Amino acid sequence: MGASGVIFLTGAIGLEHISNNCDSIFETKCTQFGLFGLSSLEETFEMISICLFNYATLKLFTGNYDHISIQIKRQNN
């Protein structure tokens, strides 16, 4: 789940920052196709991270996760 968070933040914050400041970062006038490519890559990172998060959550809830085991025991009174 941590990997999905890193991927999401990379896309949402990192690529958003690059696309918003494209002219000053690359020191040239960014074309419309370049900005379209950066925006598409940003959205792709975000969608992949959400898919990965959903997959990891599903594995966790079904008990097929190898690294985390959750057991809830009821106390007898």
C-alpha atoms as a PDB file:
ATOM      1  CA  MET A   1       0.000   0.000   0.000  1.00  0.00           C
ATOM      2  CA  GLY A   2       2.934   2.270   0.604  1.00  0.00           C
ATOM      3  CA  ALA A   3       4.062   1.872  -2.990  1.00  0.00           C
ATOM      4  CA  SER A   4       0.667   3.041  -4.241  1.00  0.00           C
ATOM      5  CA  GLY A   5       0.965   6.156  -2.083  1.00  0.00           C
ATOM      6  CA  VAL A   6       4.415   6.956  -3.438  1.00  0.00           C
ATOM      7  CA  ILE A   7       3.250   6.458  -7.031  1.00  0.00           C
ATOM      8  CA  PHE A   8       0.174   8.621  -6.420  1.00  0.00           C
ATOM      9  CA  LEU A   9       2.185  11.460  -4.888  1.00  0.00           C
ATOM     10  CA  THR A  10       4.761  11.260  -7.658  1.00  0.00           C
ATOM     11  CA  GLY A  11       2.025  11.686 -10.234  1.00  0.00           C
ATOM     12  CA  ALA A  12      -0.180  14.120  -8.363  1.00  0.00           C
ATOM     13  CA  ILE A  13       2.481  16.426  -6.969  1.00  0.00           C
ATOM     14  CA  GLY A  14       5.663  15.741  -8.923  1.00  0.00           C
ATOM     15  CA  LEU A  15       4.366  15.687 -12.478  1.00  0.00           C
ATOM     16  CA  GLU A  16       1.798  18.379 -11.735  1.00  0.00           C
ATOM     17  CA  HIS A  17       4.622  20.647 -10.597  1.00  0.00           C
ATOM     18  CA  ILE A  18       6.665  19.875 -13.697  1.00  0.00           C
ATOM     19  CA  SER A  19       3.757  20.504 -16.068  1.00  0.00           C
ATOM     20  CA  ASN A  20       2.805  23.768 -14.343  1.00  0.00           C
ATOM     21  CA  ASN A  21       6.398  25.055 -14.375  1.00  0.00           C
ATOM     22  CA  CYS A  22       7.483  23.488 -17.656  1.00  0.00           C
ATOM     23  CA  ASP A  23       8.883  26.684 -19.142  1.00  0.00           C
ATOM     24  CA  SER A  24      11.139  27.499 -16.207  1.00  0.00           C
ATOM     25  CA  ILE A  25      12.293  23.923 -15.532  1.00  0.00           C
ATOM     26  CA  PHE A  26      13.291  23.061 -19.101  1.00  0.00           C
ATOM     27  CA  GLU A  27      14.226  26.687 -19.971  1.00  0.00           C
ATOM     28  CA  THR A  28      12.311  26.524 -23.231  1.00  0.00           C
ATOM     29  CA  LYS A  29       8.763  27.111 -24.400  1.00  0.00           C
ATOM     30  CA  CYS A  30       6.820  23.872 -23.841  1.00  0.00           C
ATOM     31  CA  THR A  31       4.577  22.826 -26.689  1.00  0.00           C
ATOM     32  CA  GLN A  32       0.970  21.850 -26.344  1.00  0.00           C
ATOM     33  CA  PHE A  33       1.893  18.246 -27.171  1.00  0.00           C
ATOM     34  CA  GLY A  34       4.530  18.227 -24.435  1.00  0.00           C
ATOM     35  CA  LEU A  35       2.058  19.481 -21.863  1.00  0.00           C
ATOM     36  CA  PHE A  36      -0.501  16.945 -23.094  1.00  0.00           C
ATOM     37  CA  GLY A  37       2.093  14.177 -22.638  1.00  0.00           C
ATOM     38  CA  LEU A  38       2.952  15.323 -19.112  1.00  0.00           C
ATOM     39  CA  SER A  39      -0.729  15.545 -18.174  1.00  0.00           C
ATOM     40  CA  SER A  40      -1.396  12.097 -19.590  1.00  0.00           C
ATOM     41  CA  LEU A  41       1.572  10.649 -17.714  1.00  0.00           C
ATOM     42  CA  GLU A  42       0.395  12.308 -14.498  1.00  0.00           C
ATOM     43  CA  GLU A  43      -3.096  10.848 -14.812  1.00  0.00           C
ATOM     44  CA  THR A  44      -1.643   7.440 -15.685  1.00  0.00           C
ATOM     45  CA  PHE A  45       0.465   7.435 -12.520  1.00  0.00           C
ATOM     46  CA  GLU A  46      -2.599   8.325 -10.466  1.00  0.00           C
ATOM     47  CA  MET A  47      -4.771   5.609 -12.030  1.00  0.00           C
ATOM     48  CA  ILE A  48      -2.087   2.938 -11.641  1.00  0.00           C
ATOM     49  CA  SER A  49      -1.631   3.845  -7.993  1.00  0.00           C
ATOM     50  CA  ILE A  50      -5.357   3.621  -7.307  1.00  0.00           C
ATOM     51  CA  CYS A  51      -5.510   0.212  -9.005  1.00  0.00           C
ATOM     52  CA  LEU A  52      -2.539  -0.966  -6.936  1.00  0.00           C
ATOM     53  CA  PHE A  53      -4.146   0.344  -3.743  1.00  0.00           C
ATOM     54  CA  ASN A  54      -7.431  -1.419  -4.531  1.00  0.00           C
ATOM     55  CA  TYR A  55      -5.583  -4.665  -5.287  1.00  0.00           C
ATOM     56  CA  ALA A  56      -3.586  -4.513  -2.039  1.00  0.00           C
ATOM     57  CA  THR A  57      -6.704  -3.698  -0.018  1.00  0.00           C
ATOM     58  CA  LEU A  58      -8.603  -6.592  -1.582  1.00  0.00           C
ATOM     59  CA  LYS A  59      -5.731  -8.983  -0.806  1.00  0.00           C
ATOM     60  CA  LEU A  60      -5.648  -7.692   2.769  1.00  0.00           C
ATOM     61  CA  PHE A  61      -9.381  -8.128   3.317  1.00  0.00           C
ATOM     62  CA  THR A  62      -9.533 -11.610   1.794  1.00  0.00           C
ATOM     63  CA  GLY A  63      -6.642 -12.853   3.914  1.00  0.00           C
ATOM     64  CA  ASN A  64      -4.387 -13.659   0.956  1.00  0.00           C
ATOM     65  CA  TYR A  65      -1.767 -11.129   1.979  1.00  0.00           C
ATOM     66  CA  ASP A  66       1.528 -12.765   2.906  1.00  0.00           C
ATOM     67  CA  HIS A  67       2.971 -10.084   5.150  1.00  0.00           C
ATOM     68  CA  ILE A  68       0.092  -8.884   7.312  1.00  0.00           C
ATOM     69  CA  SER A  69      -2.187 -11.065   9.357  1.00  0.00           C
ATOM     70  CA  ILE A  70      -5.095  -9.635  11.311  1.00  0.00           C
ATOM     71  CA  GLN A  71      -6.955 -11.743  13.840  1.00  0.00           C
ATOM     72  CA  ILE A  72      -9.889 -10.550  15.891  1.00  0.00           C
ATOM     73  CA  LYS A  73     -10.699 -12.639  18.926  1.00  0.00           C
ATOM     74  CA  ARG A  74     -13.730 -12.228  21.078  1.00  0.00           C
ATOM     75  CA  GLN A  75     -13.229 -12.468  24.813  1.00  0.00           C
ATOM     76  CA  ASN A  76     -15.446 -14.867  26.722  1.00  0.00           C
ATOM     77  CA  ASN A  77     -17.152 -13.269  29.701  1.00  0.00           C
END
